[in-house]
Amino acid sequence: MLGPQGPLNLRAEDGVCLEEIPVEGEPRSAEASTARVWFKNGQATDMELEQQVVIHGEDVEATGHRARFSAVAGVTMLHGDPGGLERAAVSSPRGASPATKSR
């Protein structure tokens, strides 16, 4: 969707792969069935991945039904499927942490 100031939001379906190569630190990647990105003044501010989400980065793998990234806040929220059995889980060489089903 485009507005007078540029893109407002974008929706991608049928499989999405993202790769980020930061100036410092390890590359990160994510994949999911669908993605949605919100923009403000032409800059991406938030992104949401849905269905079969897998996130890789800095020796961590996270899986879940939905993930929300906030560039402004610098946080990632990982959710399980509130209507199904798919849980969110985070694993690394330091251990694993399966999350409870989100409500």
PDB file of N, CA and C in Angstrom:
ATOM      1  N   MET A   1       0.848  -1.151   0.000  1.00  0.00           N
ATOM      2  CA  MET A   1       0.000   0.000   0.000  1.00  0.00           C
ATOM      3  C   MET A   1       0.904   1.226   0.000  1.00  0.00           C
ATOM      4  N   LEU A   2       0.621   2.138  -0.933  1.00  0.00           N
ATOM      5  CA  LEU A   2       1.400   3.366  -1.045  1.00  0.00           C
ATOM      6  C   LEU A   2       0.579   4.562  -0.595  1.00  0.00           C
ATOM      7  N   GLY A   3       1.234   5.496   0.069  1.00  0.00           N
ATOM      8  CA  GLY A   3       0.605   6.743   0.481  1.00  0.00           C
ATOM      9  C   GLY A   3       1.365   7.908  -0.136  1.00  0.00           C
ATOM     10  N   PRO A   4       0.963   9.132   0.157  1.00  0.00           N
ATOM     11  CA  PRO A   4       1.628  10.295  -0.424  1.00  0.00           C
ATOM     12  C   PRO A   4       3.104  10.411  -0.039  1.00  0.00           C
ATOM     13  N   GLN A   5       3.487   9.887   1.131  1.00  0.00           N
ATOM     14  CA  GLN A   5       4.873   9.967   1.599  1.00  0.00           C
ATOM     15  C   GLN A   5       5.704   8.745   1.231  1.00  0.00           C
ATOM     16  N   GLY A   6       5.104   7.778   0.512  1.00  0.00           N
ATOM     17  CA  GLY A   6       5.823   6.558   0.154  1.00  0.00           C
ATOM     18  C   GLY A   6       5.079   5.335   0.640  1.00  0.00           C
ATOM     19  N   PRO A   7       5.781   4.204   0.804  1.00  0.00           N
ATOM     20  CA  PRO A   7       5.101   2.973   1.227  1.00  0.00           C
ATOM     21  C   PRO A   7       4.565   3.079   2.645  1.00  0.00           C
ATOM     22  N   LEU A   8       3.373   2.495   2.860  1.00  0.00           N
ATOM     23  CA  LEU A   8       2.774   2.427   4.200  1.00  0.00           C
ATOM     24  C   LEU A   8       2.915   1.029   4.776  1.00  0.00           C
ATOM     25  N   ASN A   9       2.615   0.003   3.954  1.00  0.00           N
ATOM     26  CA  ASN A   9       2.819  -1.366   4.381  1.00  0.00           C
ATOM     27  C   ASN A   9       2.968  -2.268   3.165  1.00  0.00           C
ATOM     28  N   LEU A  10       3.512  -3.436   3.416  1.00  0.00           N
ATOM     29  CA  LEU A  10       3.799  -4.425   2.378  1.00  0.00           C
ATOM     30  C   LEU A  10       3.433  -5.780   2.928  1.00  0.00           C
ATOM     31  N   ARG A  11       2.818  -6.615   2.105  1.00  0.00           N
ATOM     32  CA  ARG A  11       2.489  -7.991   2.502  1.00  0.00           C
ATOM     33  C   ARG A  11       3.087  -8.934   1.465  1.00  0.00           C
ATOM     34  N   ALA A  12       3.813  -9.942   1.945  1.00  0.00           N
ATOM     35  CA  ALA A  12       4.415 -10.952   1.074  1.00  0.00           C
ATOM     36  C   ALA A  12       3.890 -12.317   1.502  1.00  0.00           C
ATOM     37  N   GLU A  13       3.574 -13.165   0.536  1.00  0.00           N
ATOM     38  CA  GLU A  13       3.018 -14.494   0.817  1.00  0.00           C
ATOM     39  C   GLU A  13       3.755 -15.560   0.035  1.00  0.00           C
ATOM     40  N   ASP A  14       3.405 -16.815   0.302  1.00  0.00           N
ATOM     41  CA  ASP A  14       3.952 -17.985  -0.388  1.00  0.00           C
ATOM     42  C   ASP A  14       5.432 -18.200  -0.120  1.00  0.00           C
ATOM     43  N   GLY A  15       5.871 -17.902   1.091  1.00  0.00           N
ATOM     44  CA  GLY A  15       7.251 -18.137   1.491  1.00  0.00           C
ATOM     45  C   GLY A  15       8.080 -16.876   1.441  1.00  0.00           C
ATOM     46  N   VAL A  16       8.686 -16.549   2.561  1.00  0.00           N
ATOM     47  CA  VAL A  16       9.485 -15.332   2.684  1.00  0.00           C
ATOM     48  C   VAL A  16      10.811 -15.692   3.343  1.00  0.00           C
ATOM     49  N   CYS A  17      11.909 -15.216   2.772  1.00  0.00           N
ATOM     50  CA  CYS A  17      13.230 -15.378   3.363  1.00  0.00           C
ATOM     51  C   CYS A  17      13.860 -13.997   3.497  1.00  0.00           C
ATOM     52  N   LEU A  18      14.401 -13.725   4.661  1.00  0.00           N
ATOM     53  CA  LEU A  18      15.062 -12.448   4.923  1.00  0.00           C
ATOM     54  C   LEU A  18      16.473 -12.724   5.405  1.00  0.00           C
ATOM     55  N   GLU A  19      17.404 -11.885   4.992  1.00  0.00           N
ATOM     56  CA  GLU A  19      18.762 -12.014   5.456  1.00  0.00           C
ATOM     57  C   GLU A  19      19.284 -10.623   5.802  1.00  0.00           C
ATOM     58  N   GLU A  20      19.875 -10.494   6.991  1.00  0.00           N
ATOM     59  CA  GLU A  20      20.437  -9.222   7.441  1.00  0.00           C
ATOM     60  C   GLU A  20      21.915  -9.423   7.699  1.00  0.00           C
ATOM     61  N   ILE A  21      22.728  -8.566   7.117  1.00  0.00           N
ATOM     62  CA  ILE A  21      24.168  -8.624   7.339  1.00  0.00           C
ATOM     63  C   ILE A  21      24.561  -7.298   7.973  1.00  0.00           C
ATOM     64  N   PRO A  22      24.689  -7.275   9.302  1.00  0.00           N
ATOM     65  CA  PRO A  22      24.995  -6.019   9.991  1.00  0.00           C
ATOM     66  C   PRO A  22      26.457  -5.610   9.801  1.00  0.00           C
ATOM     67  N   VAL A  23      26.743  -4.348  10.051  1.00  0.00           N
ATOM     68  CA  VAL A  23      28.107  -3.849   9.968  1.00  0.00           C
ATOM     69  C   VAL A  23      28.977  -4.594  10.976  1.00  0.00           C
ATOM     70  N   GLU A  24      28.444  -4.805  12.175  1.00  0.00           N
ATOM     71  CA  GLU A  24      29.146  -5.567  13.205  1.00  0.00           C
ATOM     72  C   GLU A  24      28.278  -6.734  13.640  1.00  0.00           C
ATOM     73  N   GLY A  25      28.903  -7.824  14.020  1.00  0.00           N
ATOM     74  CA  GLY A  25      28.160  -8.975  14.508  1.00  0.00           C
ATOM     75  C   GLY A  25      27.857  -9.981  13.422  1.00  0.00           C
ATOM     76  N   GLU A  26      27.188 -11.038  13.840  1.00  0.00           N
ATOM     77  CA  GLU A  26      26.867 -12.157  12.966  1.00  0.00           C
ATOM     78  C   GLU A  26      25.676 -11.847  12.062  1.00  0.00           C
ATOM     79  N   PRO A  27      25.666 -12.399  10.846  1.00  0.00           N
ATOM     80  CA  PRO A  27      24.474 -12.282   9.987  1.00  0.00           C
ATOM     81  C   PRO A  27      23.284 -12.965  10.658  1.00  0.00           C
ATOM     82  N   ARG A  28      22.101 -12.477  10.362  1.00  0.00           N
ATOM     83  CA  ARG A  28      20.864 -13.051  10.894  1.00  0.00           C
ATOM     84  C   ARG A  28      19.939 -13.337   9.727  1.00  0.00           C
ATOM     85  N   SER A  29      19.079 -14.338   9.908  1.00  0.00           N
ATOM     86  CA  SER A  29      18.118 -14.659   8.853  1.00  0.00           C
ATOM     87  C   SER A  29      16.805 -15.091   9.481  1.00  0.00           C
ATOM     88  N   ALA A  30      15.766 -15.018   8.682  1.00  0.00           N
ATOM     89  CA  ALA A  30      14.439 -15.451   9.126  1.00  0.00           C
ATOM     90  C   ALA A  30      13.674 -15.952   7.921  1.00  0.00           C
ATOM     91  N   GLU A  31      12.751 -16.872   8.174  1.00  0.00           N
ATOM     92  CA  GLU A  31      11.875 -17.369   7.118  1.00  0.00           C
ATOM     93  C   GLU A  31      10.504 -17.646   7.705  1.00  0.00           C
ATOM     94  N   ALA A  32       9.504 -17.557   6.851  1.00  0.00           N
ATOM     95  CA  ALA A  32       8.119 -17.788   7.271  1.00  0.00           C
ATOM     96  C   ALA A  32       7.258 -17.947   6.026  1.00  0.00           C
ATOM     97  N   SER A  33       6.004 -18.306   6.243  1.00  0.00           N
ATOM     98  CA  SER A  33       5.071 -18.422   5.122  1.00  0.00           C
ATOM     99  C   SER A  33       4.642 -17.055   4.611  1.00  0.00           C
ATOM    100  N   THR A  34       4.399 -16.103   5.528  1.00  0.00           N
ATOM    101  CA  THR A  34       3.977 -14.762   5.121  1.00  0.00           C
ATOM    102  C   THR A  34       4.721 -13.708   5.944  1.00  0.00           C
ATOM    103  N   ALA A  35       4.769 -12.497   5.412  1.00  0.00           N
ATOM    104  CA  ALA A  35       5.395 -11.381   6.123  1.00  0.00           C
ATOM    105  C   ALA A  35       4.614 -10.109   5.834  1.00  0.00           C
ATOM    106  N   ARG A  36       4.671  -9.206   6.795  1.00  0.00           N
ATOM    107  CA  ARG A  36       4.077  -7.886   6.619  1.00  0.00           C
ATOM    108  C   ARG A  36       5.044  -6.870   7.205  1.00  0.00           C
ATOM    109  N   VAL A  37       5.252  -5.767   6.487  1.00  0.00           N
ATOM    110  CA  VAL A  37       6.181  -4.720   6.911  1.00  0.00           C
ATOM    111  C   VAL A  37       5.423  -3.397   6.925  1.00  0.00           C
ATOM    112  N   TRP A  38       5.625  -2.602   8.006  1.00  0.00           N
ATOM    113  CA  TRP A  38       5.020  -1.277   8.109  1.00  0.00           C
ATOM    114  C   TRP A  38       6.114  -0.229   7.979  1.00  0.00           C
ATOM    115  N   PHE A  39       5.776   0.892   7.347  1.00  0.00           N
ATOM    116  CA  PHE A  39       6.732   1.957   7.077  1.00  0.00           C
ATOM    117  C   PHE A  39       6.248   3.284   7.653  1.00  0.00           C
ATOM    118  N   LYS A  40       7.203   4.150   7.961  1.00  0.00           N
ATOM    119  CA  LYS A  40       6.905   5.529   8.341  1.00  0.00           C
ATOM    120  C   LYS A  40       7.957   6.402   7.677  1.00  0.00           C
ATOM    121  N   ASN A  41       7.501   7.352   6.880  1.00  0.00           N
ATOM    122  CA  ASN A  41       8.404   8.231   6.134  1.00  0.00           C
ATOM    123  C   ASN A  41       9.392   7.440   5.279  1.00  0.00           C
ATOM    124  N   GLY A  42       8.927   6.346   4.694  1.00  0.00           N
ATOM    125  CA  GLY A  42       9.753   5.537   3.812  1.00  0.00           C
ATOM    126  C   GLY A  42      10.681   4.554   4.503  1.00  0.00           C
ATOM    127  N   GLN A  43      10.713   4.550   5.830  1.00  0.00           N
ATOM    128  CA  GLN A  43      11.584   3.650   6.585  1.00  0.00           C
ATOM    129  C   GLN A  43      10.765   2.548   7.235  1.00  0.00           C
ATOM    130  N   ALA A  44      11.242   1.314   7.154  1.00  0.00           N
ATOM    131  CA  ALA A  44      10.561   0.195   7.814  1.00  0.00           C
ATOM    132  C   ALA A  44      10.637   0.380   9.319  1.00  0.00           C
ATOM    133  N   THR A  45       9.487   0.281   9.991  1.00  0.00           N
ATOM    134  CA  THR A  45       9.445   0.449  11.449  1.00  0.00           C
ATOM    135  C   THR A  45       9.124  -0.853  12.166  1.00  0.00           C
ATOM    136  N   ASP A  46       8.286  -1.690  11.581  1.00  0.00           N
ATOM    137  CA  ASP A  46       7.882  -2.950  12.189  1.00  0.00           C
ATOM    138  C   ASP A  46       7.733  -4.012  11.108  1.00  0.00           C
ATOM    139  N   MET A  47       7.949  -5.274  11.511  1.00  0.00           N
ATOM    140  CA  MET A  47       7.756  -6.386  10.589  1.00  0.00           C
ATOM    141  C   MET A  47       7.152  -7.538  11.372  1.00  0.00           C
ATOM    142  N   GLU A  48       6.246  -8.252  10.725  1.00  0.00           N
ATOM    143  CA  GLU A  48       5.627  -9.416  11.349  1.00  0.00           C
ATOM    144  C   GLU A  48       5.734 -10.602  10.403  1.00  0.00           C
ATOM    145  N   LEU A  49       6.240 -11.720  10.911  1.00  0.00           N
ATOM    146  CA  LEU A  49       6.302 -12.976  10.165  1.00  0.00           C
ATOM    147  C   LEU A  49       5.254 -13.901  10.746  1.00  0.00           C
ATOM    148  N   GLU A  50       4.576 -14.676   9.877  1.00  0.00           N
ATOM    149  CA  GLU A  50       3.540 -15.590  10.361  1.00  0.00           C
ATOM    150  C   GLU A  50       3.680 -16.959   9.712  1.00  0.00           C
ATOM    151  N   GLN A  51       3.320 -17.969  10.451  1.00  0.00           N
ATOM    152  CA  GLN A  51       3.248 -19.374  10.041  1.00  0.00           C
ATOM    153  C   GLN A  51       4.628 -19.946   9.731  1.00  0.00           C
ATOM    154  N   GLN A  52       5.004 -20.939  10.500  1.00  0.00           N
ATOM    155  CA  GLN A  52       6.264 -21.668  10.334  1.00  0.00           C
ATOM    156  C   GLN A  52       7.472 -20.737  10.366  1.00  0.00           C
ATOM    157  N   VAL A  53       7.542 -19.905  11.390  1.00  0.00           N
ATOM    158  CA  VAL A  53       8.613 -18.922  11.536  1.00  0.00           C
ATOM    159  C   VAL A  53       9.863 -19.603  12.071  1.00  0.00           C
ATOM    160  N   VAL A  54      10.997 -19.322  11.427  1.00  0.00           N
ATOM    161  CA  VAL A  54      12.301 -19.792  11.885  1.00  0.00           C
ATOM    162  C   VAL A  54      13.250 -18.595  11.818  1.00  0.00           C
ATOM    163  N   ILE A  55      13.901 -18.289  12.939  1.00  0.00           N
ATOM    164  CA  ILE A  55      14.835 -17.164  13.018  1.00  0.00           C
ATOM    165  C   ILE A  55      16.192 -17.712  13.435  1.00  0.00           C
ATOM    166  N   HIS A  56      17.261 -17.322  12.715  1.00  0.00           N
ATOM    167  CA  HIS A  56      18.628 -17.734  13.029  1.00  0.00           C
ATOM    168  C   HIS A  56      19.464 -16.489  13.269  1.00  0.00           C
ATOM    169  N   GLY A  57      20.308 -16.522  14.280  1.00  0.00           N
ATOM    170  CA  GLY A  57      21.231 -15.419  14.490  1.00  0.00           C
ATOM    171  C   GLY A  57      22.013 -15.576  15.771  1.00  0.00           C
ATOM    172  N   GLU A  58      23.299 -15.228  15.722  1.00  0.00           N
ATOM    173  CA  GLU A  58      24.159 -15.233  16.892  1.00  0.00           C
ATOM    174  C   GLU A  58      24.043 -16.527  17.701  1.00  0.00           C
ATOM    175  N   ASP A  59      24.164 -17.669  17.039  1.00  0.00           N
ATOM    176  CA  ASP A  59      24.097 -18.993  17.666  1.00  0.00           C
ATOM    177  C   ASP A  59      22.758 -19.293  18.328  1.00  0.00           C
ATOM    178  N   VAL A  60      21.700 -18.633  17.883  1.00  0.00           N
ATOM    179  CA  VAL A  60      20.363 -18.853  18.428  1.00  0.00           C
ATOM    180  C   VAL A  60      19.428 -19.227  17.286  1.00  0.00           C
ATOM    181  N   GLU A  61      18.571 -20.213  17.538  1.00  0.00           N
ATOM    182  CA  GLU A  61      17.507 -20.537  16.595  1.00  0.00           C
ATOM    183  C   GLU A  61      16.184 -20.428  17.344  1.00  0.00           C
ATOM    184  N   ALA A  62      15.252 -19.696  16.766  1.00  0.00           N
ATOM    185  CA  ALA A  62      13.938 -19.527  17.378  1.00  0.00           C
ATOM    186  C   ALA A  62      12.879 -19.967  16.376  1.00  0.00           C
ATOM    187  N   THR A  63      11.882 -20.702  16.843  1.00  0.00           N
ATOM    188  CA  THR A  63      10.796 -21.139  15.980  1.00  0.00           C
ATOM    189  C   THR A  63       9.475 -20.792  16.656  1.00  0.00           C
ATOM    190  N   GLY A  64       8.465 -20.547  15.831  1.00  0.00           N
ATOM    191  CA  GLY A  64       7.155 -20.236  16.369  1.00  0.00           C
ATOM    192  C   GLY A  64       6.148 -20.021  15.269  1.00  0.00           C
ATOM    193  N   HIS A  65       4.972 -19.599  15.655  1.00  0.00           N
ATOM    194  CA  HIS A  65       3.892 -19.342  14.709  1.00  0.00           C
ATOM    195  C   HIS A  65       3.939 -17.905  14.184  1.00  0.00           C
ATOM    196  N   ARG A  66       4.390 -16.976  15.047  1.00  0.00           N
ATOM    197  CA  ARG A  66       4.405 -15.568  14.659  1.00  0.00           C
ATOM    198  C   ARG A  66       5.573 -14.876  15.358  1.00  0.00           C
ATOM    199  N   ALA A  67       6.203 -13.939  14.650  1.00  0.00           N
ATOM    200  CA  ALA A  67       7.264 -13.122  15.246  1.00  0.00           C
ATOM    201  C   ALA A  67       7.033 -11.679  14.831  1.00  0.00           C
ATOM    202  N   ARG A  68       7.192 -10.775  15.773  1.00  0.00           N
ATOM    203  CA  ARG A  68       7.036  -9.348  15.499  1.00  0.00           C
ATOM    204  C   ARG A  68       8.350  -8.663  15.835  1.00  0.00           C
ATOM    205  N   PHE A  69       8.890  -7.900  14.883  1.00  0.00           N
ATOM    206  CA  PHE A  69      10.140  -7.173  15.043  1.00  0.00           C
ATOM    207  C   PHE A  69       9.817  -5.684  15.085  1.00  0.00           C
ATOM    208  N   SER A  70      10.320  -4.988  16.068  1.00  0.00           N
ATOM    209  CA  SER A  70      10.156  -3.543  16.155  1.00  0.00           C
ATOM    210  C   SER A  70      11.525  -2.901  16.018  1.00  0.00           C
ATOM    211  N   ALA A  71      11.767  -2.245  14.880  1.00  0.00           N
ATOM    212  CA  ALA A  71      13.054  -1.587  14.663  1.00  0.00           C
ATOM    213  C   ALA A  71      13.231  -0.423  15.624  1.00  0.00           C
ATOM    214  N   VAL A  72      12.160   0.291  15.911  1.00  0.00           N
ATOM    215  CA  VAL A  72      12.232   1.449  16.795  1.00  0.00           C
ATOM    216  C   VAL A  72      12.598   1.021  18.210  1.00  0.00           C
ATOM    217  N   ALA A  73      11.931  -0.011  18.728  1.00  0.00           N
ATOM    218  CA  ALA A  73      12.190  -0.482  20.090  1.00  0.00           C
ATOM    219  C   ALA A  73      13.386  -1.433  20.162  1.00  0.00           C
ATOM    220  N   GLY A  74      13.780  -2.032  19.040  1.00  0.00           N
ATOM    221  CA  GLY A  74      14.884  -2.978  19.029  1.00  0.00           C
ATOM    222  C   GLY A  74      14.566  -4.298  19.697  1.00  0.00           C
ATOM    223  N   VAL A  75      13.309  -4.747  19.588  1.00  0.00           N
ATOM    224  CA  VAL A  75      12.904  -5.998  20.214  1.00  0.00           C
ATOM    225  C   VAL A  75      12.263  -6.938  19.190  1.00  0.00           C
ATOM    226  N   THR A  76      12.312  -8.227  19.522  1.00  0.00           N
ATOM    227  CA  THR A  76      11.629  -9.260  18.747  1.00  0.00           C
ATOM    228  C   THR A  76      10.715 -10.010  19.698  1.00  0.00           C
ATOM    229  N   MET A  77       9.458 -10.172  19.303  1.00  0.00           N
ATOM    230  CA  MET A  77       8.491 -10.929  20.106  1.00  0.00           C
ATOM    231  C   MET A  77       8.125 -12.182  19.328  1.00  0.00           C
ATOM    232  N   LEU A  78       8.272 -13.334  19.957  1.00  0.00           N
ATOM    233  CA  LEU A  78       7.999 -14.624  19.333  1.00  0.00           C
ATOM    234  C   LEU A  78       6.787 -15.237  20.011  1.00  0.00           C
ATOM    235  N   HIS A  79       5.831 -15.720  19.212  1.00  0.00           N
ATOM    236  CA  HIS A  79       4.581 -16.258  19.746  1.00  0.00           C
ATOM    237  C   HIS A  79       4.313 -17.656  19.208  1.00  0.00           C
ATOM    238  N   GLY A  80       3.647 -18.460  20.016  1.00  0.00           N
ATOM    239  CA  GLY A  80       3.104 -19.722  19.559  1.00  0.00           C
ATOM    240  C   GLY A  80       1.749 -19.467  18.912  1.00  0.00           C
ATOM    241  N   ASP A  81       1.106 -20.520  18.456  1.00  0.00           N
ATOM    242  CA  ASP A  81      -0.211 -20.402  17.826  1.00  0.00           C
ATOM    243  C   ASP A  81      -1.286 -20.445  18.915  1.00  0.00           C
ATOM    244  N   PRO A  82      -2.031 -19.361  19.123  1.00  0.00           N
ATOM    245  CA  PRO A  82      -3.026 -19.359  20.190  1.00  0.00           C
ATOM    246  C   PRO A  82      -4.182 -20.326  19.948  1.00  0.00           C
ATOM    247  N   GLY A  83      -4.411 -20.713  18.702  1.00  0.00           N
ATOM    248  CA  GLY A  83      -5.509 -21.621  18.397  1.00  0.00           C
ATOM    249  C   GLY A  83      -5.063 -23.031  18.075  1.00  0.00           C
ATOM    250  N   GLY A  84      -3.787 -23.318  18.205  1.00  0.00           N
ATOM    251  CA  GLY A  84      -3.280 -24.634  17.827  1.00  0.00           C
ATOM    252  C   GLY A  84      -2.213 -25.125  18.773  1.00  0.00           C
ATOM    253  N   LEU A  85      -1.413 -26.060  18.298  1.00  0.00           N
ATOM    254  CA  LEU A  85      -0.413 -26.697  19.145  1.00  0.00           C
ATOM    255  C   LEU A  85       1.004 -26.190  18.900  1.00  0.00           C
ATOM    256  N   GLU A  86       1.204 -25.318  17.914  1.00  0.00           N
ATOM    257  CA  GLU A  86       2.549 -24.849  17.600  1.00  0.00           C
ATOM    258  C   GLU A  86       3.031 -23.877  18.685  1.00  0.00           C
ATOM    259  N   ARG A  87       4.101 -24.268  19.363  1.00  0.00           N
ATOM    260  CA  ARG A  87       4.654 -23.442  20.436  1.00  0.00           C
ATOM    261  C   ARG A  87       5.844 -22.645  19.929  1.00  0.00           C
ATOM    262  N   ALA A  88       6.222 -21.649  20.687  1.00  0.00           N
ATOM    263  CA  ALA A  88       7.431 -20.890  20.404  1.00  0.00           C
ATOM    264  C   ALA A  88       8.573 -21.521  21.182  1.00  0.00           C
ATOM    265  N   ALA A  89       9.765 -21.579  20.575  1.00  0.00           N
ATOM    266  CA  ALA A  89      10.922 -22.170  21.253  1.00  0.00           C
ATOM    267  C   ALA A  89      12.184 -21.445  20.806  1.00  0.00           C
ATOM    268  N   VAL A  90      13.120 -21.320  21.738  1.00  0.00           N
ATOM    269  CA  VAL A  90      14.408 -20.703  21.462  1.00  0.00           C
ATOM    270  C   VAL A  90      15.481 -21.679  21.909  1.00  0.00           C
ATOM    271  N   SER A  91      16.463 -21.937  21.028  1.00  0.00           N
ATOM    272  CA  SER A  91      17.549 -22.834  21.405  1.00  0.00           C
ATOM    273  C   SER A  91      18.889 -22.232  20.990  1.00  0.00           C
ATOM    274  N   SER A  92      19.919 -22.568  21.766  1.00  0.00           N
ATOM    275  CA  SER A  92      21.277 -22.118  21.490  1.00  0.00           C
ATOM    276  C   SER A  92      22.232 -23.140  22.101  1.00  0.00           C
ATOM    277  N   PRO A  93      23.529 -23.017  21.831  1.00  0.00           N
ATOM    278  CA  PRO A  93      24.479 -23.936  22.464  1.00  0.00           C
ATOM    279  C   PRO A  93      24.449 -23.856  23.995  1.00  0.00           C
ATOM    280  N   ARG A  94      23.928 -22.754  24.535  1.00  0.00           N
ATOM    281  CA  ARG A  94      23.838 -22.602  25.988  1.00  0.00           C
ATOM    282  C   ARG A  94      22.613 -23.292  26.566  1.00  0.00           C
ATOM    283  N   GLY A  95      21.693 -23.772  25.716  1.00  0.00           N
ATOM    284  CA  GLY A  95      20.503 -24.457  26.209  1.00  0.00           C
ATOM    285  C   GLY A  95      19.287 -24.122  25.376  1.00  0.00           C
ATOM    286  N   ALA A  96      18.147 -24.690  25.758  1.00  0.00           N
ATOM    287  CA  ALA A  96      16.895 -24.471  25.031  1.00  0.00           C
ATOM    288  C   ALA A  96      15.843 -23.971  25.992  1.00  0.00           C
ATOM    289  N   SER A  97      14.910 -23.201  25.457  1.00  0.00           N
ATOM    290  CA  SER A  97      13.848 -22.640  26.285  1.00  0.00           C
ATOM    291  C   SER A  97      12.534 -22.702  25.531  1.00  0.00           C
ATOM    292  N   PRO A  98      11.790 -23.803  25.666  1.00  0.00           N
ATOM    293  CA  PRO A  98      10.470 -23.842  25.015  1.00  0.00           C
ATOM    294  C   PRO A  98       9.516 -22.912  25.773  1.00  0.00           C
ATOM    295  N   ALA A  99       8.815 -22.099  25.017  1.00  0.00           N
ATOM    296  CA  ALA A  99       7.866 -21.171  25.630  1.00  0.00           C
ATOM    297  C   ALA A  99       6.501 -21.840  25.746  1.00  0.00           C
ATOM    298  N   THR A 100       5.693 -21.336  26.625  1.00  0.00           N
ATOM    299  CA  THR A 100       4.331 -21.860  26.740  1.00  0.00           C
ATOM    300  C   THR A 100       3.476 -21.315  25.626  1.00  0.00           C
ATOM    301  N   LYS A 101       2.366 -21.964  25.386  1.00  0.00           N
ATOM    302  CA  LYS A 101       1.451 -21.542  24.338  1.00  0.00           C
ATOM    303  C   LYS A 101       0.929 -20.152  24.653  1.00  0.00           C
ATOM    304  N   SER A 102       1.002 -19.243  23.654  1.00  0.00           N
ATOM    305  CA  SER A 102       0.527 -17.878  23.889  1.00  0.00           C
ATOM    306  C   SER A 102      -0.988 -17.850  23.920  1.00  0.00           C
ATOM    307  N   ARG A 103      -1.543 -16.877  24.579  1.00  0.00           N
ATOM    308  CA  ARG A 103      -2.984 -16.752  24.707  1.00  0.00           C
ATOM    309  C   ARG A 103      -3.479 -15.592  23.924  1.00  0.00           C
TER     310      ARG A 103
END
